[in-house]
Amino acid sequence: TLKAGIERALLEEVPGVVELEQVF
């Protein structure tokens, strides 16, 4: 999905996105 693609791109660039992923 588009959301999954965006999340993957963010995870590759910013490890901190994992924390945001937990919030959502």
PDB file of N, CA and C in Angstrom:
ATOM      1  N   THR A   1       0.837  -1.203   0.000  1.00  0.00           N
ATOM      2  CA  THR A   1       0.000   0.000   0.000  1.00  0.00           C
ATOM      3  C   THR A   1       0.871   1.253   0.000  1.00  0.00           C
ATOM      4  N   LEU A   2       0.279   2.379  -0.314  1.00  0.00           N
ATOM      5  CA  LEU A   2       1.040   3.628  -0.338  1.00  0.00           C
ATOM      6  C   LEU A   2       1.587   3.939   1.050  1.00  0.00           C
ATOM      7  N   LYS A   3       0.757   3.739   2.074  1.00  0.00           N
ATOM      8  CA  LYS A   3       1.185   4.012   3.449  1.00  0.00           C
ATOM      9  C   LYS A   3       2.391   3.167   3.822  1.00  0.00           C
ATOM     10  N   ALA A   4       2.366   1.899   3.444  1.00  0.00           N
ATOM     11  CA  ALA A   4       3.482   0.998   3.754  1.00  0.00           C
ATOM     12  C   ALA A   4       4.747   1.467   3.055  1.00  0.00           C
ATOM     13  N   GLY A   5       4.610   1.914   1.816  1.00  0.00           N
ATOM     14  CA  GLY A   5       5.772   2.389   1.065  1.00  0.00           C
ATOM     15  C   GLY A   5       6.373   3.619   1.718  1.00  0.00           C
ATOM     16  N   ILE A   6       5.513   4.521   2.179  1.00  0.00           N
ATOM     17  CA  ILE A   6       5.992   5.743   2.838  1.00  0.00           C
ATOM     18  C   ILE A   6       6.693   5.389   4.148  1.00  0.00           C
ATOM     19  N   GLU A   7       6.090   4.475   4.904  1.00  0.00           N
ATOM     20  CA  GLU A   7       6.688   4.087   6.182  1.00  0.00           C
ATOM     21  C   GLU A   7       8.054   3.463   5.964  1.00  0.00           C
ATOM     22  N   ARG A   8       8.153   2.603   4.952  1.00  0.00           N
ATOM     23  CA  ARG A   8       9.438   1.952   4.671  1.00  0.00           C
ATOM     24  C   ARG A   8      10.486   3.005   4.313  1.00  0.00           C
ATOM     25  N   ALA A   9      10.110   3.968   3.483  1.00  0.00           N
ATOM     26  CA  ALA A   9      11.048   5.012   3.071  1.00  0.00           C
ATOM     27  C   ALA A   9      11.514   5.810   4.293  1.00  0.00           C
ATOM     28  N   LEU A  10      10.583   6.107   5.196  1.00  0.00           N
ATOM     29  CA  LEU A  10      10.941   6.873   6.388  1.00  0.00           C
ATOM     30  C   LEU A  10      11.833   6.051   7.311  1.00  0.00           C
ATOM     31  N   LEU A  11      11.522   4.758   7.440  1.00  0.00           N
ATOM     32  CA  LEU A  11      12.318   3.899   8.314  1.00  0.00           C
ATOM     33  C   LEU A  11      13.747   3.813   7.810  1.00  0.00           C
ATOM     34  N   GLU A  12      13.910   3.803   6.491  1.00  0.00           N
ATOM     35  CA  GLU A  12      15.252   3.710   5.920  1.00  0.00           C
ATOM     36  C   GLU A  12      16.040   4.988   6.179  1.00  0.00           C
ATOM     37  N   GLU A  13      15.350   6.114   6.265  1.00  0.00           N
ATOM     38  CA  GLU A  13      16.024   7.400   6.450  1.00  0.00           C
ATOM     39  C   GLU A  13      16.135   7.791   7.922  1.00  0.00           C
ATOM     40  N   VAL A  14      15.048   7.528   8.674  1.00  0.00           N
ATOM     41  CA  VAL A  14      15.047   7.946  10.075  1.00  0.00           C
ATOM     42  C   VAL A  14      14.626   6.803  10.993  1.00  0.00           C
ATOM     43  N   PRO A  15      15.569   6.229  11.744  1.00  0.00           N
ATOM     44  CA  PRO A  15      15.262   5.131  12.672  1.00  0.00           C
ATOM     45  C   PRO A  15      14.203   5.535  13.697  1.00  0.00           C
ATOM     46  N   GLY A  16      14.117   6.826  14.007  1.00  0.00           N
ATOM     47  CA  GLY A  16      13.160   7.308  15.001  1.00  0.00           C
ATOM     48  C   GLY A  16      11.711   7.131  14.571  1.00  0.00           C
ATOM     49  N   VAL A  17      11.501   6.851  13.283  1.00  0.00           N
ATOM     50  CA  VAL A  17      10.135   6.689  12.781  1.00  0.00           C
ATOM     51  C   VAL A  17       9.455   5.505  13.452  1.00  0.00           C
ATOM     52  N   VAL A  18      10.251   4.572  13.962  1.00  0.00           N
ATOM     53  CA  VAL A  18       9.683   3.406  14.640  1.00  0.00           C
ATOM     54  C   VAL A  18       8.805   3.870  15.793  1.00  0.00           C
ATOM     55  N   GLU A  19       9.225   4.931  16.471  1.00  0.00           N
ATOM     56  CA  GLU A  19       8.446   5.456  17.587  1.00  0.00           C
ATOM     57  C   GLU A  19       7.131   6.031  17.090  1.00  0.00           C
ATOM     58  N   LEU A  20       7.160   6.726  15.960  1.00  0.00           N
ATOM     59  CA  LEU A  20       5.943   7.305  15.398  1.00  0.00           C
ATOM     60  C   LEU A  20       4.999   6.196  14.966  1.00  0.00           C
ATOM     61  N   GLU A  21       5.586   5.109  14.446  1.00  0.00           N
ATOM     62  CA  GLU A  21       4.779   3.999  13.961  1.00  0.00           C
ATOM     63  C   GLU A  21       3.959   3.417  15.112  1.00  0.00           C
ATOM     64  N   GLN A  22       4.538   3.392  16.313  1.00  0.00           N
ATOM     65  CA  GLN A  22       3.831   2.852  17.471  1.00  0.00           C
ATOM     66  C   GLN A  22       2.651   3.748  17.842  1.00  0.00           C
ATOM     67  N   VAL A  23       2.823   5.044  17.643  1.00  0.00           N
ATOM     68  CA  VAL A  23       1.756   5.988  17.985  1.00  0.00           C
ATOM     69  C   VAL A  23       0.559   5.779  17.069  1.00  0.00           C
ATOM     70  N   PHE A  24       0.836   5.587  15.775  1.00  0.00           N
ATOM     71  CA  PHE A  24      -0.249   5.392  14.820  1.00  0.00           C
ATOM     72  C   PHE A  24      -0.705   3.948  14.831  1.00  0.00           C
TER      73      PHE A  24
END
